[in-house]
Amino acid sequence: MIKDLRKQFINFQPTPGANMKEMWLKKFSILKNNFSQKDIVILTCGPSLSEYSLQEVKNFCKNKIVFCVKQTI
């Protein structure tokens, strides 16, 4: 299931002429309600991330859906 959703998300083709907001809303609608019973972690770049070791982050994220923004990991 996750592999199929990942493929849909990556291969999503926006409607020609759609603005960025519309494009991202449609792209993220692919994920809507598919993980309603799962814990999700969103990691972003920033100084507070360096307060934790890589092992602590890995342990915290274990068995969770993880989204990373930019060069977070």
PDB file of N, CA and C in Angstrom:
ATOM      1  N   MET A   1       0.813  -1.191   0.000  1.00  0.00           N
ATOM      2  CA  MET A   1       0.000   0.000   0.000  1.00  0.00           C
ATOM      3  C   MET A   1       0.859   1.259   0.000  1.00  0.00           C
ATOM      4  N   ILE A   2       1.850   1.315   0.882  1.00  0.00           N
ATOM      5  CA  ILE A   2       2.686   2.510   0.968  1.00  0.00           C
ATOM      6  C   ILE A   2       3.467   2.712  -0.327  1.00  0.00           C
ATOM      7  N   LYS A   3       3.975   1.634  -0.912  1.00  0.00           N
ATOM      8  CA  LYS A   3       4.716   1.762  -2.166  1.00  0.00           C
ATOM      9  C   LYS A   3       3.829   2.302  -3.272  1.00  0.00           C
ATOM     10  N   ASP A   4       2.573   1.849  -3.337  1.00  0.00           N
ATOM     11  CA  ASP A   4       1.645   2.343  -4.355  1.00  0.00           C
ATOM     12  C   ASP A   4       1.344   3.820  -4.160  1.00  0.00           C
ATOM     13  N   LEU A   5       1.113   4.228  -2.913  1.00  0.00           N
ATOM     14  CA  LEU A   5       0.844   5.638  -2.633  1.00  0.00           C
ATOM     15  C   LEU A   5       2.051   6.502  -2.949  1.00  0.00           C
ATOM     16  N   ARG A   6       3.236   5.999  -2.610  1.00  0.00           N
ATOM     17  CA  ARG A   6       4.463   6.737  -2.901  1.00  0.00           C
ATOM     18  C   ARG A   6       4.606   6.947  -4.407  1.00  0.00           C
ATOM     19  N   LYS A   7       4.329   5.890  -5.169  1.00  0.00           N
ATOM     20  CA  LYS A   7       4.430   5.980  -6.622  1.00  0.00           C
ATOM     21  C   LYS A   7       3.422   6.995  -7.168  1.00  0.00           C
ATOM     22  N   GLN A   8       2.182   6.959  -6.686  1.00  0.00           N
ATOM     23  CA  GLN A   8       1.167   7.926  -7.115  1.00  0.00           C
ATOM     24  C   GLN A   8       1.590   9.341  -6.786  1.00  0.00           C
ATOM     25  N   PHE A   9       2.119   9.527  -5.579  1.00  0.00           N
ATOM     26  CA  PHE A   9       2.518  10.856  -5.114  1.00  0.00           C
ATOM     27  C   PHE A   9       3.656  11.403  -5.971  1.00  0.00           C
ATOM     28  N   ILE A  10       4.663  10.584  -6.219  1.00  0.00           N
ATOM     29  CA  ILE A  10       5.828  11.013  -6.998  1.00  0.00           C
ATOM     30  C   ILE A  10       5.460  11.269  -8.453  1.00  0.00           C
ATOM     31  N   ASN A  11       4.598  10.421  -9.016  1.00  0.00           N
ATOM     32  CA  ASN A  11       4.261  10.528 -10.434  1.00  0.00           C
ATOM     33  C   ASN A  11       3.079  11.446 -10.725  1.00  0.00           C
ATOM     34  N   PHE A  12       2.565  12.126  -9.720  1.00  0.00           N
ATOM     35  CA  PHE A  12       1.425  13.015  -9.905  1.00  0.00           C
ATOM     36  C   PHE A  12       1.757  14.101 -10.928  1.00  0.00           C
ATOM     37  N   GLN A  13       0.869  14.275 -11.887  1.00  0.00           N
ATOM     38  CA  GLN A  13       1.034  15.313 -12.905  1.00  0.00           C
ATOM     39  C   GLN A  13      -0.045  16.372 -12.688  1.00  0.00           C
ATOM     40  N   PRO A  14       0.339  17.612 -12.386  1.00  0.00           N
ATOM     41  CA  PRO A  14      -0.654  18.654 -12.136  1.00  0.00           C
ATOM     42  C   PRO A  14      -1.407  19.041 -13.410  1.00  0.00           C
ATOM     43  N   THR A  15      -2.588  19.577 -13.215  1.00  0.00           N
ATOM     44  CA  THR A  15      -3.371  20.088 -14.332  1.00  0.00           C
ATOM     45  C   THR A  15      -2.618  21.260 -14.944  1.00  0.00           C
ATOM     46  N   PRO A  16      -2.478  21.292 -16.273  1.00  0.00           N
ATOM     47  CA  PRO A  16      -1.791  22.435 -16.898  1.00  0.00           C
ATOM     48  C   PRO A  16      -2.456  23.749 -16.497  1.00  0.00           C
ATOM     49  N   GLY A  17      -1.635  24.711 -16.109  1.00  0.00           N
ATOM     50  CA  GLY A  17      -2.134  26.021 -15.705  1.00  0.00           C
ATOM     51  C   GLY A  17      -2.525  26.125 -14.246  1.00  0.00           C
ATOM     52  N   ALA A  18      -2.452  25.031 -13.502  1.00  0.00           N
ATOM     53  CA  ALA A  18      -2.811  25.067 -12.077  1.00  0.00           C
ATOM     54  C   ALA A  18      -1.755  25.837 -11.303  1.00  0.00           C
ATOM     55  N   ASN A  19      -2.197  26.603 -10.309  1.00  0.00           N
ATOM     56  CA  ASN A  19      -1.210  27.319  -9.497  1.00  0.00           C
ATOM     57  C   ASN A  19      -0.604  26.357  -8.476  1.00  0.00           C
ATOM     58  N   MET A  20       0.445  26.790  -7.825  1.00  0.00           N
ATOM     59  CA  MET A  20       1.185  25.921  -6.901  1.00  0.00           C
ATOM     60  C   MET A  20       0.313  25.426  -5.754  1.00  0.00           C
ATOM     61  N   LYS A  21      -0.526  26.291  -5.205  1.00  0.00           N
ATOM     62  CA  LYS A  21      -1.381  25.881  -4.086  1.00  0.00           C
ATOM     63  C   LYS A  21      -2.319  24.758  -4.520  1.00  0.00           C
ATOM     64  N   GLU A  22      -2.962  24.917  -5.665  1.00  0.00           N
ATOM     65  CA  GLU A  22      -3.862  23.878  -6.177  1.00  0.00           C
ATOM     66  C   GLU A  22      -3.107  22.574  -6.414  1.00  0.00           C
ATOM     67  N   MET A  23      -1.914  22.704  -6.997  1.00  0.00           N
ATOM     68  CA  MET A  23      -1.116  21.517  -7.298  1.00  0.00           C
ATOM     69  C   MET A  23      -0.809  20.736  -6.026  1.00  0.00           C
ATOM     70  N   TRP A  24      -0.335  21.431  -4.981  1.00  0.00           N
ATOM     71  CA  TRP A  24       0.030  20.741  -3.745  1.00  0.00           C
ATOM     72  C   TRP A  24      -1.192  20.191  -3.029  1.00  0.00           C
ATOM     73  N   LEU A  25      -2.311  20.917  -3.055  1.00  0.00           N
ATOM     74  CA  LEU A  25      -3.529  20.397  -2.425  1.00  0.00           C
ATOM     75  C   LEU A  25      -3.979  19.110  -3.102  1.00  0.00           C
ATOM     76  N   LYS A  26      -3.940  19.065  -4.415  1.00  0.00           N
ATOM     77  CA  LYS A  26      -4.318  17.849  -5.135  1.00  0.00           C
ATOM     78  C   LYS A  26      -3.319  16.731  -4.885  1.00  0.00           C
ATOM     79  N   LYS A  27      -2.038  17.090  -4.846  1.00  0.00           N
ATOM     80  CA  LYS A  27      -1.010  16.076  -4.621  1.00  0.00           C
ATOM     81  C   LYS A  27      -1.154  15.457  -3.226  1.00  0.00           C
ATOM     82  N   PHE A  28      -1.366  16.286  -2.229  1.00  0.00           N
ATOM     83  CA  PHE A  28      -1.499  15.759  -0.869  1.00  0.00           C
ATOM     84  C   PHE A  28      -2.834  15.066  -0.643  1.00  0.00           C
ATOM     85  N   SER A  29      -3.841  15.334  -1.487  1.00  0.00           N
ATOM     86  CA  SER A  29      -5.111  14.633  -1.346  1.00  0.00           C
ATOM     87  C   SER A  29      -4.942  13.140  -1.605  1.00  0.00           C
ATOM     88  N   ILE A  30      -3.883  12.766  -2.325  1.00  0.00           N
ATOM     89  CA  ILE A  30      -3.573  11.341  -2.539  1.00  0.00           C
ATOM     90  C   ILE A  30      -3.351  10.645  -1.196  1.00  0.00           C
ATOM     91  N   LEU A  31      -2.767  11.360  -0.248  1.00  0.00           N
ATOM     92  CA  LEU A  31      -2.433  10.775   1.050  1.00  0.00           C
ATOM     93  C   LEU A  31      -3.572  10.849   2.061  1.00  0.00           C
ATOM     94  N   LYS A  32      -4.566  11.707   1.788  1.00  0.00           N
ATOM     95  CA  LYS A  32      -5.625  11.971   2.759  1.00  0.00           C
ATOM     96  C   LYS A  32      -6.321  10.682   3.195  1.00  0.00           C
ATOM     97  N   ASN A  33      -6.447  10.530   4.497  1.00  0.00           N
ATOM     98  CA  ASN A  33      -7.140   9.408   5.156  1.00  0.00           C
ATOM     99  C   ASN A  33      -6.465   8.047   4.988  1.00  0.00           C
ATOM    100  N   ASN A  34      -5.342   7.985   4.312  1.00  0.00           N
ATOM    101  CA  ASN A  34      -4.667   6.700   4.156  1.00  0.00           C
ATOM    102  C   ASN A  34      -3.857   6.315   5.388  1.00  0.00           C
ATOM    103  N   PHE A  35      -3.550   7.273   6.224  1.00  0.00           N
ATOM    104  CA  PHE A  35      -2.734   7.004   7.404  1.00  0.00           C
ATOM    105  C   PHE A  35      -3.417   7.530   8.666  1.00  0.00           C
ATOM    106  N   SER A  36      -4.736   7.507   8.691  1.00  0.00           N
ATOM    107  CA  SER A  36      -5.471   8.108   9.807  1.00  0.00           C
ATOM    108  C   SER A  36      -5.224   7.398  11.141  1.00  0.00           C
ATOM    109  N   GLN A  37      -4.797   6.162  11.099  1.00  0.00           N
ATOM    110  CA  GLN A  37      -4.533   5.417  12.339  1.00  0.00           C
ATOM    111  C   GLN A  37      -3.039   5.279  12.629  1.00  0.00           C
ATOM    112  N   LYS A  38      -2.211   6.014  11.906  1.00  0.00           N
ATOM    113  CA  LYS A  38      -0.760   5.917  12.071  1.00  0.00           C
ATOM    114  C   LYS A  38      -0.201   7.205  12.676  1.00  0.00           C
ATOM    115  N   ASP A  39       0.915   7.067  13.370  1.00  0.00           N
ATOM    116  CA  ASP A  39       1.645   8.236  13.849  1.00  0.00           C
ATOM    117  C   ASP A  39       2.512   8.751  12.713  1.00  0.00           C
ATOM    118  N   ILE A  40       2.509  10.060  12.528  1.00  0.00           N
ATOM    119  CA  ILE A  40       3.290  10.677  11.459  1.00  0.00           C
ATOM    120  C   ILE A  40       4.214  11.716  12.072  1.00  0.00           C
ATOM    121  N   VAL A  41       5.449  11.752  11.592  1.00  0.00           N
ATOM    122  CA  VAL A  41       6.442  12.715  12.048  1.00  0.00           C
ATOM    123  C   VAL A  41       6.878  13.547  10.843  1.00  0.00           C
ATOM    124  N   ILE A  42       6.928  14.860  11.026  1.00  0.00           N
ATOM    125  CA  ILE A  42       7.435  15.746   9.984  1.00  0.00           C
ATOM    126  C   ILE A  42       8.717  16.371  10.520  1.00  0.00           C
ATOM    127  N   LEU A  43       9.832  16.099   9.845  1.00  0.00           N
ATOM    128  CA  LEU A  43      11.129  16.642  10.252  1.00  0.00           C
ATOM    129  C   LEU A  43      11.500  17.790   9.319  1.00  0.00           C
ATOM    130  N   THR A  44      11.899  18.907   9.899  1.00  0.00           N
ATOM    131  CA  THR A  44      12.326  20.042   9.097  1.00  0.00           C
ATOM    132  C   THR A  44      13.711  20.489   9.545  1.00  0.00           C
ATOM    133  N   CYS A  45      14.360  21.241   8.684  1.00  0.00           N
ATOM    134  CA  CYS A  45      15.686  21.775   9.007  1.00  0.00           C
ATOM    135  C   CYS A  45      15.545  22.818  10.101  1.00  0.00           C
ATOM    136  N   GLY A  46      16.507  22.879  10.956  1.00  0.00           N
ATOM    137  CA  GLY A  46      16.484  23.892  12.007  1.00  0.00           C
ATOM    138  C   GLY A  46      17.427  23.520  13.127  1.00  0.00           C
ATOM    139  N   PRO A  47      17.793  24.507  13.924  1.00  0.00           N
ATOM    140  CA  PRO A  47      18.770  24.258  14.992  1.00  0.00           C
ATOM    141  C   PRO A  47      18.270  23.301  16.069  1.00  0.00           C
ATOM    142  N   SER A  48      16.970  23.234  16.303  1.00  0.00           N
ATOM    143  CA  SER A  48      16.482  22.350  17.371  1.00  0.00           C
ATOM    144  C   SER A  48      16.671  20.881  17.030  1.00  0.00           C
ATOM    145  N   LEU A  49      16.743  20.540  15.744  1.00  0.00           N
ATOM    146  CA  LEU A  49      16.961  19.142  15.362  1.00  0.00           C
ATOM    147  C   LEU A  49      18.335  18.657  15.821  1.00  0.00           C
ATOM    148  N   SER A  50      19.301  19.559  15.869  1.00  0.00           N
ATOM    149  CA  SER A  50      20.652  19.173  16.280  1.00  0.00           C
ATOM    150  C   SER A  50      20.765  18.917  17.790  1.00  0.00           C
ATOM    151  N   GLU A  51      19.694  19.180  18.523  1.00  0.00           N
ATOM    152  CA  GLU A  51      19.688  18.900  19.962  1.00  0.00           C
ATOM    153  C   GLU A  51      19.585  17.401  20.249  1.00  0.00           C
ATOM    154  N   TYR A  52      19.282  16.623  19.208  1.00  0.00           N
ATOM    155  CA  TYR A  52      19.094  15.182  19.366  1.00  0.00           C
ATOM    156  C   TYR A  52      20.095  14.436  18.503  1.00  0.00           C
ATOM    157  N   SER A  53      20.564  13.312  18.999  1.00  0.00           N
ATOM    158  CA  SER A  53      21.478  12.495  18.201  1.00  0.00           C
ATOM    159  C   SER A  53      20.684  11.813  17.099  1.00  0.00           C
ATOM    160  N   LEU A  54      21.387  11.383  16.066  1.00  0.00           N
ATOM    161  CA  LEU A  54      20.749  10.682  14.972  1.00  0.00           C
ATOM    162  C   LEU A  54      20.045   9.420  15.484  1.00  0.00           C
ATOM    163  N   GLN A  55      20.665   8.736  16.436  1.00  0.00           N
ATOM    164  CA  GLN A  55      20.066   7.521  16.995  1.00  0.00           C
ATOM    165  C   GLN A  55      18.767   7.837  17.727  1.00  0.00           C
ATOM    166  N   GLU A  56      18.719   8.960  18.472  1.00  0.00           N
ATOM    167  CA  GLU A  56      17.491   9.344  19.165  1.00  0.00           C
ATOM    168  C   GLU A  56      16.368   9.630  18.162  1.00  0.00           C
ATOM    169  N   VAL A  57      16.698  10.308  17.075  1.00  0.00           N
ATOM    170  CA  VAL A  57      15.707  10.607  16.042  1.00  0.00           C
ATOM    171  C   VAL A  57      15.215   9.317  15.393  1.00  0.00           C
ATOM    172  N   LYS A  58      16.150   8.414  15.060  1.00  0.00           N
ATOM    173  CA  LYS A  58      15.769   7.128  14.464  1.00  0.00           C
ATOM    174  C   LYS A  58      14.855   6.335  15.393  1.00  0.00           C
ATOM    175  N   ASN A  59      15.202   6.296  16.667  1.00  0.00           N
ATOM    176  CA  ASN A  59      14.378   5.555  17.633  1.00  0.00           C
ATOM    177  C   ASN A  59      12.974   6.159  17.751  1.00  0.00           C
ATOM    178  N   PHE A  60      12.905   7.488  17.759  1.00  0.00           N
ATOM    179  CA  PHE A  60      11.616   8.156  17.870  1.00  0.00           C
ATOM    180  C   PHE A  60      10.744   7.899  16.636  1.00  0.00           C
ATOM    181  N   CYS A  61      11.378   7.857  15.473  1.00  0.00           N
ATOM    182  CA  CYS A  61      10.651   7.704  14.207  1.00  0.00           C
ATOM    183  C   CYS A  61      10.338   6.256  13.845  1.00  0.00           C
ATOM    184  N   LYS A  62      10.888   5.332  14.598  1.00  0.00           N
ATOM    185  CA  LYS A  62      10.695   3.914  14.289  1.00  0.00           C
ATOM    186  C   LYS A  62       9.208   3.562  14.251  1.00  0.00           C
ATOM    187  N   ASN A  63       8.800   2.853  13.201  1.00  0.00           N
ATOM    188  CA  ASN A  63       7.418   2.409  12.990  1.00  0.00           C
ATOM    189  C   ASN A  63       6.432   3.560  12.797  1.00  0.00           C
ATOM    190  N   LYS A  64       6.925   4.710  12.332  1.00  0.00           N
ATOM    191  CA  LYS A  64       6.066   5.854  12.044  1.00  0.00           C
ATOM    192  C   LYS A  64       6.285   6.277  10.597  1.00  0.00           C
ATOM    193  N   ILE A  65       5.320   6.954  10.041  1.00  0.00           N
ATOM    194  CA  ILE A  65       5.466   7.552   8.720  1.00  0.00           C
ATOM    195  C   ILE A  65       6.259   8.840   8.916  1.00  0.00           C
ATOM    196  N   VAL A  66       7.324   9.032   8.131  1.00  0.00           N
ATOM    197  CA  VAL A  66       8.193  10.191   8.313  1.00  0.00           C
ATOM    198  C   VAL A  66       8.273  11.001   7.020  1.00  0.00           C
ATOM    199  N   PHE A  67       8.030  12.292   7.142  1.00  0.00           N
ATOM    200  CA  PHE A  67       8.219  13.234   6.046  1.00  0.00           C
ATOM    201  C   PHE A  67       9.405  14.115   6.411  1.00  0.00           C
ATOM    202  N   CYS A  68      10.347  14.259   5.494  1.00  0.00           N
ATOM    203  CA  CYS A  68      11.505  15.124   5.709  1.00  0.00           C
ATOM    204  C   CYS A  68      11.438  16.290   4.731  1.00  0.00           C
ATOM    205  N   VAL A  69      11.725  17.479   5.230  1.00  0.00           N
ATOM    206  CA  VAL A  69      11.703  18.674   4.402  1.00  0.00           C
ATOM    207  C   VAL A  69      13.139  19.069   4.083  1.00  0.00           C
ATOM    208  N   LYS A  70      13.375  19.316   2.810  1.00  0.00           N
ATOM    209  CA  LYS A  70      14.692  19.711   2.290  1.00  0.00           C
ATOM    210  C   LYS A  70      15.780  18.711   2.695  1.00  0.00           C
ATOM    211  N   GLN A  71      16.888  19.187   3.265  1.00  0.00           N
ATOM    212  CA  GLN A  71      18.020  18.320   3.592  1.00  0.00           C
ATOM    213  C   GLN A  71      18.000  17.874   5.052  1.00  0.00           C
ATOM    214  N   THR A  72      16.833  17.622   5.587  1.00  0.00           N
ATOM    215  CA  THR A  72      16.722  17.308   7.012  1.00  0.00           C
ATOM    216  C   THR A  72      17.563  16.110   7.401  1.00  0.00           C
ATOM    217  N   ILE A  73      17.502  15.040   6.655  1.00  0.00           N
ATOM    218  CA  ILE A  73      18.278  13.837   6.998  1.00  0.00           C
ATOM    219  C   ILE A  73      19.259  13.559   5.902  1.00  0.00           C
TER     220      ILE A  73
END
